[in-house]
Structure formats: structure tokens, C-alpha cells
Amino acid sequence: MMRSRPVLHICDGRIVVLERVRTRSAAADRLTELAAGFAAGQPCDVVVQHLDNRAAAGLARQLAAAIPAAGRIRLVTAGTAIRGHPGPGLLGVVVALLE
């Protein structure tokens, strides 16, 4: 059976499935694409949240290349509010636009 990885999105305070991808690398690529689209060349800070996922540093490098206007790109362990939904292996991206 093929496993899919959900790409989740927070919409109106709820966590919803935006789409599903087949591989972890496809998930990282899609997260990068979504984050770069959201930043749209504007100055921003980026946070990569993870939960026991060694791919987090690679995702941070990928985001740095895709979002040239990013100031800081930080790696953090995901907080307790989000941990229960995806569980171990979580990769998440937060883009904070700067004014």
C-alpha cells in the first residue's frame, strides 16, 4: 500500500489537509514552494519546525535558496500545540512577513 504524506495548513484556526504528496522529498519541495509563494519576495523571517526529523536542516537550506529576502531562518522543535496532529517526523514552515 502506498503511503501519502499530508501537507497541512492552518486556516481560520483549524488544521486542514491542503493536499497529499507521495514522498518526504516531495513534501519538502511543496513546503518550500508554498513558503516562497507566501513570502512573494518580501522581507521575512522563516522558522522550520520539526519533531525528530533529520531533514529539517536540509529544508532550511532549501528555503534559504528559494526565499532570498528571508532574514533569519531558524530550526526549532515543534511546540506542544502542534505535536499531537502529525506526530514524529513532522516538518513545518512558518513565514513571518516583516513590515
PDB file of N, CA and C in Angstrom:
ATOM      1  N   MET A   1       0.843  -1.183   0.000  1.00  0.00           N
ATOM      2  CA  MET A   1       0.000   0.000   0.000  1.00  0.00           C
ATOM      3  C   MET A   1       0.888   1.247   0.000  1.00  0.00           C
ATOM      4  N   MET A   2       0.585   2.182  -0.860  1.00  0.00           N
ATOM      5  CA  MET A   2       1.354   3.426  -0.941  1.00  0.00           C
ATOM      6  C   MET A   2       0.952   4.345   0.197  1.00  0.00           C
ATOM      7  N   ARG A   3       1.951   4.932   0.831  1.00  0.00           N
ATOM      8  CA  ARG A   3       1.675   5.905   1.879  1.00  0.00           C
ATOM      9  C   ARG A   3       1.741   7.294   1.288  1.00  0.00           C
ATOM     10  N   SER A   4       0.887   8.147   1.754  1.00  0.00           N
ATOM     11  CA  SER A   4       0.970   9.539   1.334  1.00  0.00           C
ATOM     12  C   SER A   4       1.238  10.396   2.558  1.00  0.00           C
ATOM     13  N   ARG A   5       1.817  11.522   2.319  1.00  0.00           N
ATOM     14  CA  ARG A   5       2.119  12.455   3.392  1.00  0.00           C
ATOM     15  C   ARG A   5       1.217  13.668   3.226  1.00  0.00           C
ATOM     16  N   PRO A   6       0.456  13.998   4.247  1.00  0.00           N
ATOM     17  CA  PRO A   6      -0.422  15.160   4.121  1.00  0.00           C
ATOM     18  C   PRO A   6       0.364  16.458   4.280  1.00  0.00           C
ATOM     19  N   VAL A   7       0.033  17.428   3.461  1.00  0.00           N
ATOM     20  CA  VAL A   7       0.536  18.787   3.631  1.00  0.00           C
ATOM     21  C   VAL A   7      -0.598  19.525   4.319  1.00  0.00           C
ATOM     22  N   LEU A   8      -0.354  19.912   5.570  1.00  0.00           N
ATOM     23  CA  LEU A   8      -1.395  20.542   6.375  1.00  0.00           C
ATOM     24  C   LEU A   8      -1.276  22.055   6.310  1.00  0.00           C
ATOM     25  N   HIS A   9      -2.372  22.708   6.586  1.00  0.00           N
ATOM     26  CA  HIS A   9      -2.443  24.166   6.525  1.00  0.00           C
ATOM     27  C   HIS A   9      -3.331  24.621   7.676  1.00  0.00           C
ATOM     28  N   ILE A  10      -2.978  25.724   8.294  1.00  0.00           N
ATOM     29  CA  ILE A  10      -3.831  26.286   9.340  1.00  0.00           C
ATOM     30  C   ILE A  10      -4.696  27.349   8.693  1.00  0.00           C
ATOM     31  N   CYS A  11      -5.989  27.135   8.744  1.00  0.00           N
ATOM     32  CA  CYS A  11      -6.961  28.026   8.110  1.00  0.00           C
ATOM     33  C   CYS A  11      -8.056  28.345   9.122  1.00  0.00           C
ATOM     34  N   ASP A  12      -8.207  29.622   9.434  1.00  0.00           N
ATOM     35  CA  ASP A  12      -9.218  30.065  10.400  1.00  0.00           C
ATOM     36  C   ASP A  12      -9.098  29.328  11.731  1.00  0.00           C
ATOM     37  N   GLY A  13      -7.847  29.098  12.157  1.00  0.00           N
ATOM     38  CA  GLY A  13      -7.605  28.460  13.447  1.00  0.00           C
ATOM     39  C   GLY A  13      -7.769  26.954  13.455  1.00  0.00           C
ATOM     40  N   ARG A  14      -8.027  26.354  12.296  1.00  0.00           N
ATOM     41  CA  ARG A  14      -8.190  24.900  12.209  1.00  0.00           C
ATOM     42  C   ARG A  14      -7.089  24.313  11.333  1.00  0.00           C
ATOM     43  N   ILE A  15      -6.699  23.092  11.644  1.00  0.00           N
ATOM     44  CA  ILE A  15      -5.714  22.396  10.833  1.00  0.00           C
ATOM     45  C   ILE A  15      -6.460  21.567   9.803  1.00  0.00           C
ATOM     46  N   VAL A  16      -6.173  21.830   8.531  1.00  0.00           N
ATOM     47  CA  VAL A  16      -6.850  21.130   7.442  1.00  0.00           C
ATOM     48  C   VAL A  16      -5.806  20.555   6.478  1.00  0.00           C
ATOM     49  N   VAL A  17      -6.181  19.511   5.772  1.00  0.00           N
ATOM     50  CA  VAL A  17      -5.297  18.926   4.767  1.00  0.00           C
ATOM     51  C   VAL A  17      -5.390  19.776   3.508  1.00  0.00           C
ATOM     52  N   LEU A  18      -4.260  20.336   3.108  1.00  0.00           N
ATOM     53  CA  LEU A  18      -4.202  21.136   1.892  1.00  0.00           C
ATOM     54  C   LEU A  18      -4.101  20.222   0.678  1.00  0.00           C
ATOM     55  N   GLU A  19      -3.236  19.211   0.791  1.00  0.00           N
ATOM     56  CA  GLU A  19      -3.064  18.221  -0.274  1.00  0.00           C
ATOM     57  C   GLU A  19      -2.246  17.061   0.278  1.00  0.00           C
ATOM     58  N   ARG A  20      -2.044  16.047  -0.531  1.00  0.00           N
ATOM     59  CA  ARG A  20      -1.217  14.900  -0.151  1.00  0.00           C
ATOM     60  C   ARG A  20      -0.137  14.708  -1.198  1.00  0.00           C
ATOM     61  N   VAL A  21       1.051  14.338  -0.734  1.00  0.00           N
ATOM     62  CA  VAL A  21       2.164  14.048  -1.638  1.00  0.00           C
ATOM     63  C   VAL A  21       2.662  12.650  -1.323  1.00  0.00           C
ATOM     64  N   ARG A  22       3.443  12.077  -2.234  1.00  0.00           N
ATOM     65  CA  ARG A  22       3.832  10.678  -2.067  1.00  0.00           C
ATOM     66  C   ARG A  22       5.116  10.460  -1.289  1.00  0.00           C
ATOM     67  N   THR A  23       6.060  11.394  -1.360  1.00  0.00           N
ATOM     68  CA  THR A  23       7.346  11.154  -0.712  1.00  0.00           C
ATOM     69  C   THR A  23       7.700  12.291   0.234  1.00  0.00           C
ATOM     70  N   ARG A  24       8.648  12.013   1.097  1.00  0.00           N
ATOM     71  CA  ARG A  24       9.111  13.057   2.016  1.00  0.00           C
ATOM     72  C   ARG A  24       9.784  14.195   1.270  1.00  0.00           C
ATOM     73  N   SER A  25      10.565  13.859   0.249  1.00  0.00           N
ATOM     74  CA  SER A  25      11.232  14.923  -0.506  1.00  0.00           C
ATOM     75  C   SER A  25      10.202  15.761  -1.260  1.00  0.00           C
ATOM     76  N   ALA A  26       9.139  15.141  -1.745  1.00  0.00           N
ATOM     77  CA  ALA A  26       8.066  15.899  -2.403  1.00  0.00           C
ATOM     78  C   ALA A  26       7.370  16.811  -1.401  1.00  0.00           C
ATOM     79  N   ALA A  27       7.238  16.364  -0.170  1.00  0.00           N
ATOM     80  CA  ALA A  27       6.631  17.200   0.873  1.00  0.00           C
ATOM     81  C   ALA A  27       7.518  18.413   1.151  1.00  0.00           C
ATOM     82  N   ALA A  28       8.831  18.202   1.258  1.00  0.00           N
ATOM     83  CA  ALA A  28       9.759  19.314   1.499  1.00  0.00           C
ATOM     84  C   ALA A  28       9.735  20.286   0.323  1.00  0.00           C
ATOM     85  N   ASP A  29       9.701  19.757  -0.893  1.00  0.00           N
ATOM     86  CA  ASP A  29       9.632  20.616  -2.081  1.00  0.00           C
ATOM     87  C   ASP A  29       8.353  21.441  -2.088  1.00  0.00           C
ATOM     88  N   ARG A  30       7.255  20.806  -1.726  1.00  0.00           N
ATOM     89  CA  ARG A  30       5.965  21.523  -1.723  1.00  0.00           C
ATOM     90  C   ARG A  30       5.927  22.575  -0.630  1.00  0.00           C
ATOM     91  N   LEU A  31       6.475  22.264   0.553  1.00  0.00           N
ATOM     92  CA  LEU A  31       6.542  23.258   1.627  1.00  0.00           C
ATOM     93  C   LEU A  31       7.368  24.463   1.191  1.00  0.00           C
ATOM     94  N   THR A  32       8.473  24.201   0.499  1.00  0.00           N
ATOM     95  CA  THR A  32       9.323  25.283   0.005  1.00  0.00           C
ATOM     96  C   THR A  32       8.568  26.137  -1.005  1.00  0.00           C
ATOM     97  N   GLU A  33       7.880  25.493  -1.909  1.00  0.00           N
ATOM     98  CA  GLU A  33       7.102  26.208  -2.931  1.00  0.00           C
ATOM     99  C   GLU A  33       6.012  27.075  -2.297  1.00  0.00           C
ATOM    100  N   LEU A  34       5.303  26.523  -1.336  1.00  0.00           N
ATOM    101  CA  LEU A  34       4.239  27.281  -0.662  1.00  0.00           C
ATOM    102  C   LEU A  34       4.806  28.459   0.123  1.00  0.00           C
ATOM    103  N   ALA A  35       5.905  28.232   0.830  1.00  0.00           N
ATOM    104  CA  ALA A  35       6.520  29.297   1.631  1.00  0.00           C
ATOM    105  C   ALA A  35       7.045  30.415   0.736  1.00  0.00           C
ATOM    106  N   ALA A  36       7.705  30.063  -0.358  1.00  0.00           N
ATOM    107  CA  ALA A  36       8.229  31.072  -1.281  1.00  0.00           C
ATOM    108  C   ALA A  36       7.083  31.865  -1.910  1.00  0.00           C
ATOM    109  N   GLY A  37       6.000  31.190  -2.236  1.00  0.00           N
ATOM    110  CA  GLY A  37       4.840  31.879  -2.786  1.00  0.00           C
ATOM    111  C   GLY A  37       4.210  32.833  -1.789  1.00  0.00           C
ATOM    112  N   PHE A  38       4.162  32.420  -0.532  1.00  0.00           N
ATOM    113  CA  PHE A  38       3.593  33.282   0.502  1.00  0.00           C
ATOM    114  C   PHE A  38       4.482  34.493   0.729  1.00  0.00           C
ATOM    115  N   ALA A  39       5.796  34.291   0.774  1.00  0.00           N
ATOM    116  CA  ALA A  39       6.730  35.393   1.009  1.00  0.00           C
ATOM    117  C   ALA A  39       6.711  36.375  -0.164  1.00  0.00           C
ATOM    118  N   ALA A  40       6.559  35.869  -1.370  1.00  0.00           N
ATOM    119  CA  ALA A  40       6.452  36.692  -2.580  1.00  0.00           C
ATOM    120  C   ALA A  40       7.515  37.780  -2.660  1.00  0.00           C
ATOM    121  N   GLY A  41       8.746  37.450  -2.301  1.00  0.00           N
ATOM    122  CA  GLY A  41       9.847  38.397  -2.416  1.00  0.00           C
ATOM    123  C   GLY A  41       9.915  39.453  -1.336  1.00  0.00           C
ATOM    124  N   GLN A  42       9.020  39.393  -0.360  1.00  0.00           N
ATOM    125  CA  GLN A  42       9.003  40.375   0.720  1.00  0.00           C
ATOM    126  C   GLN A  42       9.980  39.974   1.820  1.00  0.00           C
ATOM    127  N   PRO A  43      10.521  40.941   2.551  1.00  0.00           N
ATOM    128  CA  PRO A  43      11.380  40.605   3.686  1.00  0.00           C
ATOM    129  C   PRO A  43      10.588  39.790   4.710  1.00  0.00           C
ATOM    130  N   CYS A  44      11.208  38.742   5.217  1.00  0.00           N
ATOM    131  CA  CYS A  44      10.516  37.868   6.164  1.00  0.00           C
ATOM    132  C   CYS A  44      11.525  37.094   6.999  1.00  0.00           C
ATOM    133  N   ASP A  45      11.044  36.539   8.065  1.00  0.00           N
ATOM    134  CA  ASP A  45      11.784  35.556   8.843  1.00  0.00           C
ATOM    135  C   ASP A  45      11.091  34.222   8.628  1.00  0.00           C
ATOM    136  N   VAL A  46      11.864  33.142   8.672  1.00  0.00           N
ATOM    137  CA  VAL A  46      11.328  31.807   8.417  1.00  0.00           C
ATOM    138  C   VAL A  46      11.732  30.893   9.567  1.00  0.00           C
ATOM    139  N   VAL A  47      10.793  30.081   9.996  1.00  0.00           N
ATOM    140  CA  VAL A  47      11.058  29.086  11.039  1.00  0.00           C
ATOM    141  C   VAL A  47      10.704  27.714  10.491  1.00  0.00           C
ATOM    142  N   VAL A  48      11.623  26.772  10.634  1.00  0.00           N
ATOM    143  CA  VAL A  48      11.356  25.375  10.291  1.00  0.00           C
ATOM    144  C   VAL A  48      11.101  24.652  11.600  1.00  0.00           C
ATOM    145  N   GLN A  49       9.891  24.171  11.765  1.00  0.00           N
ATOM    146  CA  GLN A  49       9.535  23.389  12.949  1.00  0.00           C
ATOM    147  C   GLN A  49       9.694  21.916  12.597  1.00  0.00           C
ATOM    148  N   HIS A  50      10.176  21.149  13.544  1.00  0.00           N
ATOM    149  CA  HIS A  50      10.331  19.718  13.279  1.00  0.00           C
ATOM    150  C   HIS A  50      10.121  18.940  14.563  1.00  0.00           C
ATOM    151  N   LEU A  51       9.901  17.672  14.384  1.00  0.00           N
ATOM    152  CA  LEU A  51       9.759  16.769  15.511  1.00  0.00           C
ATOM    153  C   LEU A  51      10.518  15.503  15.157  1.00  0.00           C
ATOM    154  N   ASP A  52      11.745  15.440  15.644  1.00  0.00           N
ATOM    155  CA  ASP A  52      12.588  14.264  15.430  1.00  0.00           C
ATOM    156  C   ASP A  52      12.747  13.958  13.946  1.00  0.00           C
ATOM    157  N   ASN A  53      13.080  14.987  13.162  1.00  0.00           N
ATOM    158  CA  ASN A  53      13.220  14.812  11.724  1.00  0.00           C
ATOM    159  C   ASN A  53      14.566  15.360  11.274  1.00  0.00           C
ATOM    160  N   ARG A  54      15.434  14.488  10.784  1.00  0.00           N
ATOM    161  CA  ARG A  54      16.776  14.888  10.354  1.00  0.00           C
ATOM    162  C   ARG A  54      16.770  15.711   9.079  1.00  0.00           C
ATOM    163  N   ALA A  55      15.663  15.745   8.370  1.00  0.00           N
ATOM    164  CA  ALA A  55      15.574  16.507   7.118  1.00  0.00           C
ATOM    165  C   ALA A  55      15.353  17.997   7.358  1.00  0.00           C
ATOM    166  N   ALA A  56      15.173  18.411   8.595  1.00  0.00           N
ATOM    167  CA  ALA A  56      14.865  19.808   8.896  1.00  0.00           C
ATOM    168  C   ALA A  56      15.969  20.759   8.429  1.00  0.00           C
ATOM    169  N   ALA A  57      17.224  20.408   8.639  1.00  0.00           N
ATOM    170  CA  ALA A  57      18.327  21.281   8.228  1.00  0.00           C
ATOM    171  C   ALA A  57      18.366  21.416   6.707  1.00  0.00           C
ATOM    172  N   GLY A  58      18.108  20.331   6.005  1.00  0.00           N
ATOM    173  CA  GLY A  58      18.063  20.391   4.545  1.00  0.00           C
ATOM    174  C   GLY A  58      16.928  21.266   4.050  1.00  0.00           C
ATOM    175  N   LEU A  59      15.786  21.188   4.720  1.00  0.00           N
ATOM    176  CA  LEU A  59      14.650  22.037   4.355  1.00  0.00           C
ATOM    177  C   LEU A  59      15.003  23.501   4.592  1.00  0.00           C
ATOM    178  N   ALA A  60      15.701  23.802   5.679  1.00  0.00           N
ATOM    179  CA  ALA A  60      16.111  25.182   5.960  1.00  0.00           C
ATOM    180  C   ALA A  60      17.017  25.706   4.851  1.00  0.00           C
ATOM    181  N   ARG A  61      17.954  24.894   4.382  1.00  0.00           N
ATOM    182  CA  ARG A  61      18.833  25.302   3.277  1.00  0.00           C
ATOM    183  C   ARG A  61      18.036  25.519   1.988  1.00  0.00           C
ATOM    184  N   GLN A  62      17.090  24.648   1.746  1.00  0.00           N
ATOM    185  CA  GLN A  62      16.237  24.762   0.560  1.00  0.00           C
ATOM    186  C   GLN A  62      15.421  26.056   0.612  1.00  0.00           C
ATOM    187  N   LEU A  63      14.894  26.385   1.783  1.00  0.00           N
ATOM    188  CA  LEU A  63      14.118  27.612   1.954  1.00  0.00           C
ATOM    189  C   LEU A  63      14.997  28.845   1.772  1.00  0.00           C
ATOM    190  N   ALA A  64      16.231  28.804   2.273  1.00  0.00           N
ATOM    191  CA  ALA A  64      17.145  29.937   2.121  1.00  0.00           C
ATOM    192  C   ALA A  64      17.409  30.227   0.648  1.00  0.00           C
ATOM    193  N   ALA A  65      17.544  29.190  -0.150  1.00  0.00           N
ATOM    194  CA  ALA A  65      17.775  29.363  -1.580  1.00  0.00           C
ATOM    195  C   ALA A  65      16.523  29.868  -2.298  1.00  0.00           C
ATOM    196  N   ALA A  66      15.361  29.435  -1.853  1.00  0.00           N
ATOM    197  CA  ALA A  66      14.104  29.780  -2.530  1.00  0.00           C
ATOM    198  C   ALA A  66      13.534  31.131  -2.108  1.00  0.00           C
ATOM    199  N   ILE A  67      13.950  31.621  -0.923  1.00  0.00           N
ATOM    200  CA  ILE A  67      13.415  32.885  -0.403  1.00  0.00           C
ATOM    201  C   ILE A  67      14.595  33.820  -0.117  1.00  0.00           C
ATOM    202  N   PRO A  68      15.113  34.490  -1.141  1.00  0.00           N
ATOM    203  CA  PRO A  68      16.296  35.335  -0.951  1.00  0.00           C
ATOM    204  C   PRO A  68      16.071  36.508   0.000  1.00  0.00           C
ATOM    205  N   ALA A  69      14.829  36.953   0.168  1.00  0.00           N
ATOM    206  CA  ALA A  69      14.542  38.080   1.048  1.00  0.00           C
ATOM    207  C   ALA A  69      14.419  37.656   2.515  1.00  0.00           C
ATOM    208  N   ALA A  70      14.583  36.366   2.776  1.00  0.00           N
ATOM    209  CA  ALA A  70      14.470  35.887   4.163  1.00  0.00           C
ATOM    210  C   ALA A  70      15.631  36.421   4.994  1.00  0.00           C
ATOM    211  N   GLY A  71      15.300  36.935   6.155  1.00  0.00           N
ATOM    212  CA  GLY A  71      16.324  37.391   7.089  1.00  0.00           C
ATOM    213  C   GLY A  71      16.868  36.191   7.842  1.00  0.00           C
ATOM    214  N   ARG A  72      16.229  35.861   8.924  1.00  0.00           N
ATOM    215  CA  ARG A  72      16.643  34.705   9.723  1.00  0.00           C
ATOM    216  C   ARG A  72      15.860  33.477   9.308  1.00  0.00           C
ATOM    217  N   ILE A  73      16.542  32.351   9.290  1.00  0.00           N
ATOM    218  CA  ILE A  73      15.882  31.062   9.109  1.00  0.00           C
ATOM    219  C   ILE A  73      16.308  30.208  10.288  1.00  0.00           C
ATOM    220  N   ARG A  74      15.357  29.877  11.136  1.00  0.00           N
ATOM    221  CA  ARG A  74      15.674  29.149  12.367  1.00  0.00           C
ATOM    222  C   ARG A  74      15.063  27.759  12.355  1.00  0.00           C
ATOM    223  N   LEU A  75      15.727  26.858  13.060  1.00  0.00           N
ATOM    224  CA  LEU A  75      15.215  25.500  13.288  1.00  0.00           C
ATOM    225  C   LEU A  75      14.754  25.409  14.730  1.00  0.00           C
ATOM    226  N   VAL A  76      13.546  24.923  14.942  1.00  0.00           N
ATOM    227  CA  VAL A  76      13.027  24.754  16.300  1.00  0.00           C
ATOM    228  C   VAL A  76      12.267  23.435  16.398  1.00  0.00           C
ATOM    229  N   THR A  77      12.240  22.892  17.592  1.00  0.00           N
ATOM    230  CA  THR A  77      11.398  21.729  17.855  1.00  0.00           C
ATOM    231  C   THR A  77       9.956  22.213  17.939  1.00  0.00           C
ATOM    232  N   ALA A  78       9.052  21.524  17.282  1.00  0.00           N
ATOM    233  CA  ALA A  78       7.645  21.924  17.262  1.00  0.00           C
ATOM    234  C   ALA A  78       7.074  21.981  18.672  1.00  0.00           C
ATOM    235  N   GLY A  79       6.215  22.946  18.894  1.00  0.00           N
ATOM    236  CA  GLY A  79       5.580  23.110  20.193  1.00  0.00           C
ATOM    237  C   GLY A  79       4.490  22.082  20.436  1.00  0.00           C
ATOM    238  N   THR A  80       4.057  22.013  21.676  1.00  0.00           N
ATOM    239  CA  THR A  80       3.074  21.007  22.068  1.00  0.00           C
ATOM    240  C   THR A  80       1.722  21.202  21.394  1.00  0.00           C
ATOM    241  N   ALA A  81       1.396  22.423  20.999  1.00  0.00           N
ATOM    242  CA  ALA A  81       0.094  22.668  20.367  1.00  0.00           C
ATOM    243  C   ALA A  81      -0.035  21.957  19.026  1.00  0.00           C
ATOM    244  N   ILE A  82       1.066  21.721  18.343  1.00  0.00           N
ATOM    245  CA  ILE A  82       1.004  21.115  17.009  1.00  0.00           C
ATOM    246  C   ILE A  82       1.439  19.658  17.015  1.00  0.00           C
ATOM    247  N   ARG A  83       2.171  19.222  18.000  1.00  0.00           N
ATOM    248  CA  ARG A  83       2.754  17.876  18.019  1.00  0.00           C
ATOM    249  C   ARG A  83       1.743  16.744  17.890  1.00  0.00           C
ATOM    250  N   GLY A  84       0.606  16.875  18.481  1.00  0.00           N
ATOM    251  CA  GLY A  84      -0.362  15.786  18.515  1.00  0.00           C
ATOM    252  C   GLY A  84      -0.999  15.478  17.170  1.00  0.00           C
ATOM    253  N   HIS A  85      -0.968  16.410  16.260  1.00  0.00           N
ATOM    254  CA  HIS A  85      -1.626  16.192  14.970  1.00  0.00           C
ATOM    255  C   HIS A  85      -0.801  15.293  14.055  1.00  0.00           C
ATOM    256  N   PRO A  86       0.412  15.693  13.661  1.00  0.00           N
ATOM    257  CA  PRO A  86       1.166  14.838  12.738  1.00  0.00           C
ATOM    258  C   PRO A  86       2.061  13.812  13.421  1.00  0.00           C
ATOM    259  N   GLY A  87       2.515  14.076  14.640  1.00  0.00           N
ATOM    260  CA  GLY A  87       3.372  13.133  15.349  1.00  0.00           C
ATOM    261  C   GLY A  87       4.817  13.185  14.892  1.00  0.00           C
ATOM    262  N   PRO A  88       5.611  12.165  15.247  1.00  0.00           N
ATOM    263  CA  PRO A  88       7.036  12.144  14.915  1.00  0.00           C
ATOM    264  C   PRO A  88       7.256  12.251  13.404  1.00  0.00           C
ATOM    265  N   GLY A  89       8.305  12.961  13.039  1.00  0.00           N
ATOM    266  CA  GLY A  89       8.627  13.160  11.631  1.00  0.00           C
ATOM    267  C   GLY A  89       8.088  14.467  11.081  1.00  0.00           C
ATOM    268  N   LEU A  90       7.371  15.216  11.898  1.00  0.00           N
ATOM    269  CA  LEU A  90       6.776  16.491  11.480  1.00  0.00           C
ATOM    270  C   LEU A  90       7.832  17.424  10.911  1.00  0.00           C
ATOM    271  N   LEU A  91       7.504  18.045   9.808  1.00  0.00           N
ATOM    272  CA  LEU A  91       8.234  19.194   9.271  1.00  0.00           C
ATOM    273  C   LEU A  91       7.208  20.282   9.036  1.00  0.00           C
ATOM    274  N   GLY A  92       7.496  21.472   9.519  1.00  0.00           N
ATOM    275  CA  GLY A  92       6.578  22.577   9.320  1.00  0.00           C
ATOM    276  C   GLY A  92       7.351  23.853   9.014  1.00  0.00           C
ATOM    277  N   VAL A  93       6.697  24.774   8.334  1.00  0.00           N
ATOM    278  CA  VAL A  93       7.327  26.029   7.964  1.00  0.00           C
ATOM    279  C   VAL A  93       6.412  27.183   8.373  1.00  0.00           C
ATOM    280  N   VAL A  94       7.003  28.185   9.011  1.00  0.00           N
ATOM    281  CA  VAL A  94       6.297  29.404   9.360  1.00  0.00           C
ATOM    282  C   VAL A  94       7.024  30.557   8.672  1.00  0.00           C
ATOM    283  N   VAL A  95       6.279  31.379   7.943  1.00  0.00           N
ATOM    284  CA  VAL A  95       6.844  32.562   7.289  1.00  0.00           C
ATOM    285  C   VAL A  95       6.216  33.771   7.952  1.00  0.00           C
ATOM    286  N   ALA A  96       7.056  34.623   8.556  1.00  0.00           N
ATOM    287  CA  ALA A  96       6.575  35.840   9.206  1.00  0.00           C
ATOM    288  C   ALA A  96       7.031  37.033   8.361  1.00  0.00           C
ATOM    289  N   LEU A  97       6.086  37.683   7.710  1.00  0.00           N
ATOM    290  CA  LEU A  97       6.415  38.831   6.892  1.00  0.00           C
ATOM    291  C   LEU A  97       6.809  39.987   7.791  1.00  0.00           C
ATOM    292  N   LEU A  98       7.859  40.726   7.404  1.00  0.00           N
ATOM    293  CA  LEU A  98       8.334  41.859   8.179  1.00  0.00           C
ATOM    294  C   LEU A  98       7.797  43.138   7.552  1.00  0.00           C
ATOM    295  N   GLU A  99       7.450  44.067   8.396  1.00  0.00           N
ATOM    296  CA  GLU A  99       6.906  45.332   7.876  1.00  0.00           C
ATOM    297  C   GLU A  99       7.963  46.382   7.805  1.00  0.00           C
TER     298      GLU A  99
END
